């Protein structure tokens, strides 16, 4: 008797999971809740689970969000949604993920954060003589959440010792000093504005380059 009750309980659990699609052809039951706001960067991926009563298709309502796979057979399934564009709008944006099966459909609203940090220039050009350099940016983020990543190179350095963030939070990085370039070749350094994800992964928000010209031939 106990074994029969156990079997019945298992079937009841499956029926709850399947929702209303178990007894009809077509229909969709999305198991996953809508994710927290996705990061404002490209290539942020979230996996979502659902149950379909028949062959299904998945679509998104915006070109910044991609779903894969976009079709499949009935039963338990999973798709991944991925941001394929960084959010440069300076505001949160949203798109619909829609899963359809047998003439029925269910949708989830997927949001992408409007947090931003953007360099004012994509490139800063410095002559061969070098000298002081100021790099500016705009951001709506708290200073505790924004970091500067950069290449450690001998020819470019912070003018004075600086804190970990290396920004004064008035829209500029701390002042840099570029050493003279004695060679005839250009050289480059990259700077990245970054933030940490909820999983403590460093996410690049924007990039700029410092390009120093080479010395002219005598």
N, C-alpha and C. Protein backbone atom coordinates (compact mmCIF):
# COMPACT_ATOMS: atom_id res chain seq x y z
N UNK A 1 0.82 -1.20 0.00
CA UNK A 1 0.00 0.00 0.00
C UNK A 1 0.87 1.27 0.00
N UNK A 2 1.92 1.27 0.84
CA UNK A 2 2.82 2.43 0.89
C UNK A 2 3.47 2.68 -0.46
N UNK A 3 3.83 1.57 -1.15
CA UNK A 3 4.48 1.73 -2.46
C UNK A 3 3.50 2.33 -3.46
N UNK A 4 2.22 1.89 -3.42
CA UNK A 4 1.23 2.44 -4.33
C UNK A 4 1.03 3.93 -4.07
N UNK A 5 0.98 4.30 -2.79
CA UNK A 5 0.82 5.72 -2.46
C UNK A 5 2.00 6.54 -2.95
N UNK A 6 3.20 5.97 -2.85
CA UNK A 6 4.40 6.66 -3.32
C UNK A 6 4.34 6.90 -4.81
N UNK A 7 3.91 5.89 -5.57
CA UNK A 7 3.81 6.02 -7.03
C UNK A 7 2.79 7.09 -7.39
N UNK A 8 1.63 7.06 -6.68
CA UNK A 8 0.60 8.07 -6.94
C UNK A 8 1.13 9.47 -6.67
N UNK A 9 1.90 9.62 -5.58
CA UNK A 9 2.47 10.93 -5.24
C UNK A 9 3.41 11.43 -6.33
N UNK A 10 4.23 10.54 -6.88
CA UNK A 10 5.16 10.92 -7.95
C UNK A 10 4.40 11.42 -9.18
N UNK A 11 3.31 10.71 -9.54
CA UNK A 11 2.53 11.14 -10.69
C UNK A 11 1.87 12.49 -10.45
N UNK A 12 1.44 12.74 -9.20
CA UNK A 12 0.86 14.03 -8.90
C UNK A 12 1.88 15.15 -9.06
N UNK A 13 3.14 14.90 -8.64
CA UNK A 13 4.20 15.90 -8.79
C UNK A 13 4.43 16.22 -10.26
N UNK A 14 4.44 15.18 -11.10
CA UNK A 14 4.64 15.40 -12.53
C UNK A 14 3.49 16.19 -13.12
N UNK A 15 2.28 15.90 -12.67
CA UNK A 15 1.12 16.62 -13.19
C UNK A 15 1.19 18.10 -12.85
N UNK A 16 1.65 18.42 -11.62
CA UNK A 16 1.80 19.82 -11.23
C UNK A 16 2.84 20.51 -12.07
N UNK A 17 3.98 19.84 -12.32
CA UNK A 17 5.05 20.41 -13.12
C UNK A 17 4.59 20.68 -14.53
N UNK A 18 3.83 19.77 -15.10
CA UNK A 18 3.38 19.92 -16.49
C UNK A 18 2.29 20.97 -16.62
N UNK A 19 1.65 21.34 -15.53
CA UNK A 19 0.60 22.34 -15.59
C UNK A 19 -0.56 21.84 -16.43
N UNK A 20 -1.10 22.73 -17.26
CA UNK A 20 -2.28 22.40 -18.04
C UNK A 20 -1.96 21.78 -19.38
N UNK A 21 -0.70 21.54 -19.70
CA UNK A 21 -0.38 21.06 -21.04
C UNK A 21 -0.32 19.54 -21.10
N UNK A 22 -0.39 18.86 -19.97
CA UNK A 22 -0.21 17.42 -19.98
C UNK A 22 -1.35 16.70 -20.66
N UNK A 23 -2.56 17.28 -20.66
CA UNK A 23 -3.71 16.58 -21.19
C UNK A 23 -4.21 17.17 -22.49
N UNK A 24 -3.35 17.89 -23.21
CA UNK A 24 -3.77 18.46 -24.49
C UNK A 24 -2.60 18.49 -25.44
N UNK A 25 -2.91 18.54 -26.72
CA UNK A 25 -1.88 18.66 -27.74
C UNK A 25 -1.58 20.14 -27.91
N UNK A 26 -0.34 20.54 -27.72
CA UNK A 26 0.01 21.95 -27.74
C UNK A 26 -0.13 22.54 -26.36
N UNK A 27 0.20 23.81 -26.26
CA UNK A 27 0.17 24.46 -24.96
C UNK A 27 1.56 24.52 -24.36
N UNK A 28 1.79 25.53 -23.54
CA UNK A 28 3.12 25.76 -22.96
C UNK A 28 2.97 26.12 -21.49
N UNK A 29 3.84 25.54 -20.67
CA UNK A 29 3.91 25.92 -19.26
C UNK A 29 5.37 26.27 -18.97
N UNK A 30 5.64 27.53 -18.68
CA UNK A 30 7.01 27.98 -18.41
C UNK A 30 7.31 27.78 -16.94
N UNK A 31 8.26 26.92 -16.66
CA UNK A 31 8.62 26.60 -15.28
C UNK A 31 9.42 27.73 -14.64
N UNK A 32 10.37 28.30 -15.39
CA UNK A 32 11.25 29.34 -14.85
C UNK A 32 10.53 30.67 -14.71
N UNK A 33 10.90 31.42 -13.69
CA UNK A 33 10.45 32.79 -13.57
C UNK A 33 11.33 33.69 -14.43
N UNK A 34 10.84 34.87 -14.73
CA UNK A 34 11.66 35.82 -15.49
C UNK A 34 12.93 36.12 -14.70
N UNK A 35 14.08 36.15 -15.37
CA UNK A 35 15.34 36.41 -14.65
C UNK A 35 15.41 37.84 -14.14
N UNK A 36 16.29 38.05 -13.16
CA UNK A 36 16.58 39.42 -12.77
C UNK A 36 17.10 40.18 -13.98
N UNK A 37 17.10 41.48 -13.89
CA UNK A 37 17.55 42.30 -15.01
C UNK A 37 18.90 41.81 -15.51
N UNK A 38 18.99 41.57 -16.83
CA UNK A 38 20.23 41.09 -17.39
C UNK A 38 21.24 42.24 -17.45
N UNK A 39 22.52 41.89 -17.49
CA UNK A 39 23.57 42.90 -17.44
C UNK A 39 23.59 43.72 -18.72
N UNK A 40 24.08 44.96 -18.67
CA UNK A 40 24.05 45.83 -19.84
C UNK A 40 25.16 45.53 -20.85
N UNK A 41 25.67 44.32 -20.82
CA UNK A 41 26.76 43.93 -21.72
C UNK A 41 26.25 42.88 -22.70
N UNK A 42 27.02 42.65 -23.76
CA UNK A 42 26.70 41.57 -24.69
C UNK A 42 27.13 40.23 -24.09
N UNK A 43 26.47 39.17 -24.54
CA UNK A 43 26.84 37.78 -24.20
C UNK A 43 26.51 37.38 -22.77
N UNK A 44 25.57 38.06 -22.13
CA UNK A 44 25.04 37.56 -20.85
C UNK A 44 23.99 36.50 -21.17
N UNK A 45 24.14 35.32 -20.60
CA UNK A 45 23.30 34.17 -20.94
C UNK A 45 22.52 33.71 -19.71
N UNK A 46 21.24 33.40 -19.91
CA UNK A 46 20.37 32.85 -18.87
C UNK A 46 19.63 31.66 -19.45
N UNK A 47 19.49 30.57 -18.66
CA UNK A 47 18.78 29.38 -19.10
C UNK A 47 17.39 29.37 -18.49
N UNK A 48 16.39 29.06 -19.32
CA UNK A 48 15.00 29.02 -18.89
C UNK A 48 14.39 27.65 -19.22
N UNK A 49 13.51 27.15 -18.35
CA UNK A 49 12.93 25.82 -18.51
C UNK A 49 11.42 25.92 -18.72
N UNK A 50 10.89 25.01 -19.54
CA UNK A 50 9.45 25.01 -19.80
C UNK A 50 9.00 23.61 -20.23
N UNK A 51 7.68 23.42 -20.23
CA UNK A 51 7.06 22.18 -20.67
C UNK A 51 6.14 22.51 -21.85
N UNK A 52 6.25 21.76 -22.93
CA UNK A 52 5.42 21.98 -24.11
C UNK A 52 4.63 20.72 -24.43
N UNK A 53 3.37 20.90 -24.84
CA UNK A 53 2.52 19.77 -25.16
C UNK A 53 2.69 19.26 -26.57
N UNK A 54 3.55 19.86 -27.35
CA UNK A 54 3.80 19.44 -28.73
C UNK A 54 4.99 20.20 -29.29
N UNK A 55 5.20 20.13 -30.60
CA UNK A 55 6.28 20.90 -31.22
C UNK A 55 6.13 22.37 -30.86
N UNK A 56 7.27 23.04 -30.65
CA UNK A 56 7.22 24.42 -30.18
C UNK A 56 8.21 25.29 -30.93
N UNK A 57 7.99 26.59 -30.87
CA UNK A 57 8.93 27.58 -31.41
C UNK A 57 9.14 28.65 -30.36
N UNK A 58 10.29 29.30 -30.41
CA UNK A 58 10.61 30.38 -29.48
C UNK A 58 11.10 31.59 -30.26
N UNK A 59 10.61 32.76 -29.90
CA UNK A 59 11.00 34.00 -30.57
C UNK A 59 11.23 35.08 -29.54
N UNK A 60 11.98 36.13 -29.93
CA UNK A 60 12.12 37.31 -29.10
C UNK A 60 11.64 38.52 -29.89
N UNK A 61 11.24 39.55 -29.17
CA UNK A 61 10.65 40.72 -29.82
C UNK A 61 11.66 41.81 -30.13
N UNK A 62 12.94 41.58 -29.84
CA UNK A 62 13.94 42.63 -30.06
C UNK A 62 15.23 42.02 -30.59
N UNK A 63 15.97 42.82 -31.35
CA UNK A 63 17.20 42.31 -31.96
C UNK A 63 18.37 42.25 -30.99
N UNK A 64 18.23 42.78 -29.78
CA UNK A 64 19.34 42.70 -28.81
C UNK A 64 19.29 41.42 -28.00
N UNK A 65 18.23 40.63 -28.16
CA UNK A 65 18.06 39.40 -27.39
C UNK A 65 17.90 38.22 -28.33
N UNK A 66 18.66 37.17 -28.06
CA UNK A 66 18.65 35.97 -28.91
C UNK A 66 18.22 34.77 -28.08
N UNK A 67 17.46 33.85 -28.69
CA UNK A 67 17.05 32.63 -28.01
C UNK A 67 17.54 31.42 -28.80
N UNK A 68 18.04 30.42 -28.07
CA UNK A 68 18.55 29.21 -28.70
C UNK A 68 18.33 28.00 -27.79
N UNK A 69 17.85 26.86 -28.37
CA UNK A 69 17.33 26.71 -29.73
C UNK A 69 16.02 27.47 -29.88
N UNK A 70 15.58 27.65 -31.11
CA UNK A 70 14.34 28.39 -31.33
C UNK A 70 13.17 27.48 -31.73
N UNK A 71 13.37 26.17 -31.66
CA UNK A 71 12.27 25.24 -31.91
C UNK A 71 12.64 23.87 -31.34
N UNK A 72 11.63 23.00 -31.21
CA UNK A 72 11.90 21.67 -30.69
C UNK A 72 10.63 20.86 -30.57
N UNK A 73 10.74 19.70 -29.93
CA UNK A 73 9.62 18.79 -29.77
C UNK A 73 9.00 18.95 -28.39
N UNK A 74 7.81 18.39 -28.21
CA UNK A 74 7.11 18.48 -26.95
C UNK A 74 7.84 17.79 -25.81
N UNK A 75 7.45 18.12 -24.59
CA UNK A 75 8.08 17.56 -23.40
C UNK A 75 8.79 18.64 -22.61
N UNK A 76 9.67 18.20 -21.72
CA UNK A 76 10.45 19.15 -20.94
C UNK A 76 11.58 19.69 -21.81
N UNK A 77 11.77 20.99 -21.77
CA UNK A 77 12.76 21.63 -22.62
C UNK A 77 13.44 22.77 -21.87
N UNK A 78 14.53 23.25 -22.46
CA UNK A 78 15.25 24.41 -21.94
C UNK A 78 15.75 25.24 -23.12
N UNK A 79 15.74 26.52 -22.96
CA UNK A 79 16.33 27.43 -23.93
C UNK A 79 17.28 28.38 -23.19
N UNK A 80 18.21 28.93 -23.92
CA UNK A 80 19.06 29.98 -23.37
C UNK A 80 18.72 31.28 -24.09
N UNK A 81 18.63 32.36 -23.31
CA UNK A 81 18.48 33.69 -23.89
C UNK A 81 19.79 34.43 -23.66
N UNK A 82 20.23 35.13 -24.69
CA UNK A 82 21.53 35.80 -24.64
C UNK A 82 21.40 37.22 -25.16
N UNK A 83 22.01 38.15 -24.44
CA UNK A 83 22.09 39.52 -24.93
C UNK A 83 23.19 39.57 -25.99
N UNK A 84 22.84 39.97 -27.18
CA UNK A 84 23.83 40.02 -28.26
C UNK A 84 24.30 41.45 -28.53
N UNK A 85 23.77 42.40 -27.79
CA UNK A 85 24.21 43.78 -27.89
C UNK A 85 24.31 44.39 -26.49
N UNK A 86 25.33 45.20 -26.27
CA UNK A 86 25.40 45.97 -25.04
C UNK A 86 24.31 47.04 -25.06
N UNK A 87 23.83 47.41 -23.89
CA UNK A 87 22.80 48.44 -23.79
C UNK A 87 23.47 49.80 -23.67
N UNK A 88 23.44 50.56 -24.75
CA UNK A 88 24.02 51.90 -24.78
C UNK A 88 22.96 52.99 -24.73
N UNK A 89 21.72 52.62 -24.41
CA UNK A 89 20.62 53.58 -24.43
C UNK A 89 20.59 54.45 -23.17
N UNK A 90 21.33 54.07 -22.13
CA UNK A 90 21.35 54.76 -20.83
C UNK A 90 20.01 54.63 -20.09
N UNK A 91 19.23 53.60 -20.44
CA UNK A 91 17.97 53.32 -19.76
C UNK A 91 17.69 51.82 -19.84
N UNK A 92 16.96 51.31 -18.85
CA UNK A 92 16.59 49.89 -18.91
C UNK A 92 15.70 49.65 -20.12
N UNK A 93 15.87 48.50 -20.76
CA UNK A 93 15.01 48.15 -21.88
C UNK A 93 14.50 46.73 -21.69
N UNK A 94 13.45 46.38 -22.40
CA UNK A 94 12.84 45.07 -22.23
C UNK A 94 12.46 44.47 -23.57
N UNK A 95 12.35 43.15 -23.57
CA UNK A 95 11.92 42.40 -24.76
C UNK A 95 11.10 41.21 -24.29
N UNK A 96 10.25 40.70 -25.16
CA UNK A 96 9.44 39.54 -24.84
C UNK A 96 10.07 38.28 -25.42
N UNK A 97 10.15 37.26 -24.59
CA UNK A 97 10.47 35.91 -25.05
C UNK A 97 9.14 35.17 -25.14
N UNK A 98 8.79 34.67 -26.33
CA UNK A 98 7.51 34.00 -26.53
C UNK A 98 7.74 32.57 -27.00
N UNK A 99 7.11 31.62 -26.31
CA UNK A 99 7.19 30.21 -26.68
C UNK A 99 5.78 29.77 -27.09
N UNK A 100 5.68 29.20 -28.29
CA UNK A 100 4.38 28.82 -28.86
C UNK A 100 4.34 27.34 -29.15
N UNK A 101 3.14 26.75 -28.93
CA UNK A 101 2.95 25.33 -29.23
C UNK A 101 1.46 25.07 -29.41
N UNK A 102 1.09 24.43 -30.51
CA UNK A 102 -0.29 24.06 -30.75
C UNK A 102 -1.27 25.21 -30.75
N UNK A 103 -0.85 26.35 -31.27
CA UNK A 103 -1.73 27.50 -31.33
C UNK A 103 -1.83 28.28 -30.03
N UNK A 104 -1.12 27.86 -29.01
CA UNK A 104 -1.10 28.58 -27.72
C UNK A 104 0.30 29.11 -27.46
N UNK A 105 0.41 30.12 -26.63
CA UNK A 105 1.72 30.69 -26.36
C UNK A 105 1.79 31.29 -24.97
N UNK A 106 3.01 31.36 -24.45
CA UNK A 106 3.29 32.01 -23.18
C UNK A 106 4.51 32.91 -23.39
N UNK A 107 4.54 34.02 -22.66
CA UNK A 107 5.63 34.99 -22.83
C UNK A 107 6.22 35.37 -21.48
N UNK A 108 7.51 35.70 -21.51
CA UNK A 108 8.20 36.27 -20.36
C UNK A 108 8.82 37.59 -20.78
N UNK A 109 8.78 38.56 -19.89
CA UNK A 109 9.45 39.83 -20.15
C UNK A 109 10.89 39.75 -19.65
N UNK A 110 11.83 39.98 -20.56
CA UNK A 110 13.26 39.96 -20.23
C UNK A 110 13.76 41.39 -20.23
N UNK A 111 14.37 41.81 -19.13
CA UNK A 111 14.86 43.18 -19.03
C UNK A 111 16.38 43.22 -19.03
N UNK A 112 16.93 44.27 -19.63
CA UNK A 112 18.37 44.50 -19.63
C UNK A 112 18.66 45.80 -18.90
N UNK A 113 19.56 45.73 -17.95
CA UNK A 113 19.86 46.88 -17.09
C UNK A 113 20.27 48.11 -17.90
N UNK A 114 19.91 49.27 -17.35
CA UNK A 114 20.30 50.53 -17.98
C UNK A 114 21.54 51.15 -17.37
N UNK A 115 22.22 50.41 -16.47
CA UNK A 115 23.49 50.92 -15.93
C UNK A 115 24.48 51.13 -17.07
N UNK A 116 25.21 52.22 -17.03
CA UNK A 116 26.16 52.47 -18.11
C UNK A 116 27.40 53.19 -17.60
N UNK A 117 28.47 52.98 -18.32
CA UNK A 117 29.72 53.72 -18.13
C UNK A 117 30.37 53.77 -19.51
N UNK A 118 30.50 54.96 -20.05
CA UNK A 118 30.92 55.11 -21.45
C UNK A 118 32.04 56.15 -21.53
N UNK A 119 33.15 55.77 -22.14
CA UNK A 119 34.23 56.73 -22.38
C UNK A 119 33.76 57.79 -23.37
N UNK A 120 34.23 59.01 -23.20
CA UNK A 120 33.83 60.10 -24.09
C UNK A 120 34.47 59.97 -25.47
N UNK A 121 35.60 59.26 -25.54
CA UNK A 121 36.26 59.01 -26.83
C UNK A 121 36.63 57.54 -26.94
N UNK A 122 36.62 57.04 -28.15
CA UNK A 122 37.05 55.66 -28.39
C UNK A 122 38.57 55.56 -28.49
N UNK A 123 39.22 56.71 -28.72
CA UNK A 123 40.67 56.70 -28.83
C UNK A 123 41.23 58.06 -28.44
N UNK A 124 42.34 58.05 -27.70
CA UNK A 124 43.07 59.25 -27.35
C UNK A 124 44.43 59.18 -28.02
N UNK A 125 44.72 60.17 -28.85
CA UNK A 125 45.97 60.19 -29.59
C UNK A 125 46.96 61.12 -28.90
N UNK A 126 48.17 60.62 -28.63
CA UNK A 126 49.22 61.37 -27.95
C UNK A 126 50.43 61.46 -28.89
N UNK A 127 51.07 62.62 -28.94
CA UNK A 127 52.24 62.75 -29.81
C UNK A 127 53.44 62.02 -29.21
N UNK A 128 54.50 61.93 -29.98
CA UNK A 128 55.68 61.15 -29.56
C UNK A 128 56.35 61.73 -28.32
N UNK A 129 56.19 63.02 -28.09
CA UNK A 129 56.82 63.66 -26.93
C UNK A 129 56.16 63.23 -25.62
N UNK A 130 54.95 62.72 -25.67
CA UNK A 130 54.26 62.29 -24.45
C UNK A 130 53.77 63.47 -23.63
N UNK A 131 53.52 63.22 -22.34
CA UNK A 131 53.04 64.27 -21.45
C UNK A 131 51.82 63.81 -20.68
N UNK A 132 51.14 64.74 -19.98
CA UNK A 132 49.96 64.38 -19.19
C UNK A 132 48.78 64.04 -20.10
N UNK A 133 47.92 63.17 -19.59
CA UNK A 133 46.75 62.73 -20.36
C UNK A 133 45.57 62.58 -19.42
N UNK A 134 44.43 63.13 -19.82
CA UNK A 134 43.19 63.00 -19.06
C UNK A 134 42.17 62.26 -19.91
N UNK A 135 41.60 61.19 -19.36
CA UNK A 135 40.59 60.38 -20.05
C UNK A 135 39.26 60.59 -19.33
N UNK A 136 38.22 60.97 -20.06
CA UNK A 136 36.93 61.28 -19.45
C UNK A 136 35.88 60.24 -19.81
N UNK A 137 34.83 60.17 -18.99
CA UNK A 137 33.76 59.21 -19.21
C UNK A 137 32.48 59.74 -18.57
N UNK A 138 31.35 59.13 -18.90
CA UNK A 138 30.08 59.41 -18.25
C UNK A 138 29.51 58.11 -17.72
N UNK A 139 28.81 58.18 -16.58
CA UNK A 139 28.26 56.97 -15.97
C UNK A 139 27.12 57.34 -15.03
N UNK A 140 26.17 56.42 -14.86
CA UNK A 140 25.10 56.59 -13.87
C UNK A 140 25.28 55.63 -12.70
N UNK A 141 26.46 55.02 -12.58
CA UNK A 141 26.70 54.00 -11.58
C UNK A 141 27.38 54.57 -10.34
N UNK A 142 27.12 53.94 -9.20
CA UNK A 142 27.81 54.31 -7.98
C UNK A 142 29.29 53.96 -8.09
N UNK A 143 30.15 54.75 -7.47
CA UNK A 143 31.58 54.51 -7.59
C UNK A 143 31.99 53.17 -7.01
N UNK A 144 31.20 52.63 -6.06
CA UNK A 144 31.54 51.34 -5.48
C UNK A 144 31.37 50.20 -6.48
N UNK A 145 30.64 50.44 -7.57
CA UNK A 145 30.34 49.39 -8.54
C UNK A 145 31.09 49.52 -9.85
N UNK A 146 31.96 50.51 -9.97
CA UNK A 146 32.63 50.77 -11.23
C UNK A 146 34.15 50.70 -11.04
N UNK A 147 34.82 50.02 -11.97
CA UNK A 147 36.26 49.81 -11.87
C UNK A 147 36.90 50.10 -13.22
N UNK A 148 38.21 50.35 -13.17
CA UNK A 148 38.98 50.58 -14.37
C UNK A 148 40.00 49.47 -14.52
N UNK A 149 39.93 48.76 -15.63
CA UNK A 149 40.93 47.74 -15.96
C UNK A 149 41.83 48.31 -17.04
N UNK A 150 43.10 47.94 -17.01
CA UNK A 150 44.04 48.53 -17.97
C UNK A 150 45.29 47.65 -18.08
N UNK A 151 46.03 47.90 -19.14
CA UNK A 151 47.32 47.23 -19.32
C UNK A 151 48.39 47.95 -18.51
N UNK A 152 49.22 47.19 -17.83
CA UNK A 152 50.35 47.78 -17.13
C UNK A 152 51.54 47.83 -18.10
N UNK A 153 51.83 49.03 -18.56
CA UNK A 153 52.91 49.23 -19.53
C UNK A 153 53.89 50.26 -18.97
N UNK A 154 55.14 50.11 -19.34
CA UNK A 154 56.18 51.00 -18.80
C UNK A 154 56.03 52.44 -19.28
N UNK A 155 55.45 52.64 -20.44
CA UNK A 155 55.44 53.97 -21.03
C UNK A 155 54.21 54.82 -20.66
N UNK A 156 53.26 54.22 -19.92
CA UNK A 156 52.09 54.98 -19.48
C UNK A 156 51.79 54.62 -18.04
N UNK A 157 51.59 55.65 -17.19
CA UNK A 157 51.42 55.39 -15.76
C UNK A 157 50.55 56.47 -15.14
N UNK A 158 50.06 56.18 -13.93
CA UNK A 158 49.29 57.18 -13.19
C UNK A 158 50.26 58.24 -12.66
N UNK A 159 49.89 59.50 -12.80
CA UNK A 159 50.77 60.60 -12.41
C UNK A 159 51.06 60.56 -10.91
N UNK A 160 50.06 60.22 -10.10
CA UNK A 160 50.22 60.12 -8.66
C UNK A 160 49.64 58.80 -8.19
N UNK A 161 50.10 58.31 -7.02
CA UNK A 161 49.50 57.07 -6.49
C UNK A 161 48.00 57.26 -6.34
N UNK A 162 47.24 56.23 -6.75
CA UNK A 162 45.78 56.35 -6.75
C UNK A 162 45.15 55.14 -6.10
N UNK A 163 43.86 55.26 -5.80
CA UNK A 163 43.12 54.16 -5.19
C UNK A 163 42.80 53.10 -6.22
N UNK A 164 42.15 52.02 -5.77
CA UNK A 164 41.84 50.90 -6.65
C UNK A 164 40.96 51.31 -7.82
N UNK A 165 40.05 52.26 -7.57
CA UNK A 165 39.11 52.62 -8.62
C UNK A 165 39.75 53.48 -9.71
N UNK A 166 40.78 54.23 -9.35
CA UNK A 166 41.53 55.04 -10.31
C UNK A 166 40.64 56.04 -11.07
N UNK A 167 39.63 56.51 -10.39
CA UNK A 167 38.77 57.53 -10.98
C UNK A 167 38.41 58.54 -9.92
N UNK A 168 38.18 59.80 -10.33
CA UNK A 168 37.84 60.82 -9.35
C UNK A 168 36.33 61.02 -9.24
N UNK A 169 35.55 60.29 -10.06
CA UNK A 169 34.09 60.31 -10.03
C UNK A 169 33.50 61.67 -10.36
N UNK A 170 34.31 62.47 -11.03
CA UNK A 170 33.78 63.70 -11.63
C UNK A 170 33.80 63.56 -13.14
N UNK A 171 33.86 62.34 -13.62
CA UNK A 171 33.84 62.11 -15.06
C UNK A 171 35.21 61.96 -15.68
N UNK A 172 36.24 61.77 -14.85
CA UNK A 172 37.59 61.60 -15.38
C UNK A 172 38.31 60.47 -14.64
N UNK A 173 39.20 59.79 -15.36
CA UNK A 173 40.14 58.92 -14.68
C UNK A 173 41.19 59.81 -14.02
N UNK A 174 41.90 59.26 -13.07
CA UNK A 174 43.02 60.01 -12.50
C UNK A 174 44.01 60.33 -13.62
N UNK A 175 44.75 61.42 -13.47
CA UNK A 175 45.64 61.85 -14.55
C UNK A 175 46.72 60.83 -14.82
N UNK A 176 47.00 60.64 -16.12
CA UNK A 176 48.03 59.72 -16.58
C UNK A 176 49.21 60.51 -17.13
N UNK A 177 50.37 59.88 -17.12
CA UNK A 177 51.56 60.44 -17.75
C UNK A 177 52.05 59.48 -18.81
N UNK A 178 52.23 60.01 -20.02
CA UNK A 178 52.72 59.21 -21.14
C UNK A 178 54.18 59.58 -21.40
N UNK A 179 55.06 58.60 -21.36
CA UNK A 179 56.50 58.85 -21.57
C UNK A 179 56.78 59.10 -23.05
N UNK A 180 57.88 59.78 -23.37
CA UNK A 180 58.25 59.98 -24.77
C UNK A 180 58.45 58.64 -25.49
N UNK A 181 58.10 58.64 -26.75
CA UNK A 181 58.27 57.45 -27.58
C UNK A 181 59.49 57.65 -28.48
N UNK A 182 60.60 57.00 -28.17
CA UNK A 182 61.81 57.22 -28.97
C UNK A 182 61.84 56.42 -30.27
N UNK A 183 60.89 55.51 -30.43
CA UNK A 183 60.89 54.67 -31.62
C UNK A 183 60.08 55.32 -32.73
N UNK A 184 60.17 54.77 -33.89
CA UNK A 184 59.39 55.27 -35.02
C UNK A 184 58.06 54.57 -35.18
N UNK A 185 57.70 53.72 -34.22
CA UNK A 185 56.47 52.95 -34.32
C UNK A 185 55.44 53.42 -33.29
N UNK A 186 54.18 53.39 -33.69
CA UNK A 186 53.10 53.72 -32.77
C UNK A 186 52.99 52.65 -31.68
N UNK A 187 52.42 53.01 -30.55
CA UNK A 187 52.15 52.03 -29.51
C UNK A 187 50.79 52.34 -28.89
N UNK A 188 50.17 51.30 -28.32
CA UNK A 188 48.80 51.41 -27.84
C UNK A 188 48.65 50.86 -26.42
N UNK A 189 47.66 51.40 -25.72
CA UNK A 189 47.29 50.89 -24.39
C UNK A 189 45.76 50.91 -24.32
N UNK A 190 45.19 49.89 -23.67
CA UNK A 190 43.74 49.78 -23.59
C UNK A 190 43.27 50.05 -22.16
N UNK A 191 42.12 50.73 -22.03
CA UNK A 191 41.48 50.97 -20.74
C UNK A 191 40.03 50.52 -20.84
N UNK A 192 39.54 49.84 -19.79
CA UNK A 192 38.20 49.27 -19.80
C UNK A 192 37.46 49.68 -18.53
N UNK A 193 36.27 50.24 -18.70
CA UNK A 193 35.38 50.49 -17.57
C UNK A 193 34.60 49.20 -17.30
N UNK A 194 34.62 48.74 -16.05
CA UNK A 194 34.06 47.43 -15.72
C UNK A 194 33.22 47.48 -14.46
N UNK A 195 32.41 46.45 -14.29
CA UNK A 195 31.67 46.24 -13.05
C UNK A 195 31.65 44.75 -12.76
N UNK A 196 31.30 44.39 -11.52
CA UNK A 196 31.23 42.98 -11.16
C UNK A 196 29.79 42.48 -11.23
N UNK A 197 29.64 41.26 -11.74
CA UNK A 197 28.33 40.62 -11.77
C UNK A 197 27.95 40.11 -10.39
N UNK A 198 26.74 39.61 -10.27
CA UNK A 198 26.30 39.04 -8.99
C UNK A 198 27.12 37.82 -8.61
N UNK A 199 27.77 37.20 -9.60
CA UNK A 199 28.65 36.05 -9.35
C UNK A 199 30.11 36.47 -9.23
N UNK A 200 30.34 37.77 -9.08
CA UNK A 200 31.68 38.32 -8.92
C UNK A 200 32.55 38.13 -10.16
N UNK A 201 31.91 38.12 -11.33
CA UNK A 201 32.64 38.10 -12.59
C UNK A 201 32.82 39.54 -13.06
N UNK A 202 34.01 39.86 -13.57
CA UNK A 202 34.26 41.21 -14.04
C UNK A 202 33.70 41.38 -15.45
N UNK A 203 32.82 42.36 -15.61
CA UNK A 203 32.15 42.60 -16.89
C UNK A 203 32.62 43.92 -17.49
N UNK A 204 33.11 43.87 -18.71
CA UNK A 204 33.54 45.09 -19.38
C UNK A 204 32.36 45.88 -19.92
N UNK A 205 32.28 47.17 -19.59
CA UNK A 205 31.18 48.02 -20.04
C UNK A 205 31.55 48.86 -21.25
N UNK A 206 32.77 49.36 -21.29
CA UNK A 206 33.21 50.15 -22.44
C UNK A 206 34.73 50.16 -22.49
N UNK A 207 35.24 50.44 -23.68
CA UNK A 207 36.69 50.37 -23.93
C UNK A 207 37.16 51.62 -24.65
N UNK A 208 38.34 52.09 -24.28
CA UNK A 208 39.00 53.14 -25.04
C UNK A 208 40.47 52.77 -25.19
N UNK A 209 41.11 53.38 -26.19
CA UNK A 209 42.53 53.13 -26.47
C UNK A 209 43.32 54.42 -26.37
N UNK A 210 44.54 54.31 -25.88
CA UNK A 210 45.51 55.40 -25.97
C UNK A 210 46.52 55.02 -27.06
N UNK A 211 46.62 55.88 -28.07
CA UNK A 211 47.54 55.59 -29.17
C UNK A 211 48.59 56.70 -29.21
N UNK A 212 49.85 56.29 -29.01
CA UNK A 212 50.94 57.26 -29.05
C UNK A 212 51.67 57.14 -30.39
N UNK A 213 51.87 58.29 -31.02
CA UNK A 213 52.55 58.31 -32.30
C UNK A 213 54.03 58.01 -32.14
N UNK A 214 54.63 57.50 -33.21
CA UNK A 214 56.06 57.24 -33.20
C UNK A 214 56.87 58.50 -33.48
N UNK A 215 58.14 58.49 -33.07
CA UNK A 215 59.01 59.63 -33.32
C UNK A 215 59.26 59.78 -34.80
N UNK A 216 59.32 61.00 -35.27
CA UNK A 216 59.58 61.25 -36.68
C UNK A 216 61.02 60.94 -37.01
N UNK A 217 61.26 60.46 -38.22
CA UNK A 217 62.63 60.17 -38.66
C UNK A 217 63.42 61.46 -38.80
N UNK A 218 64.69 61.47 -38.42
CA UNK A 218 65.50 62.69 -38.51
C UNK A 218 65.67 63.11 -39.96
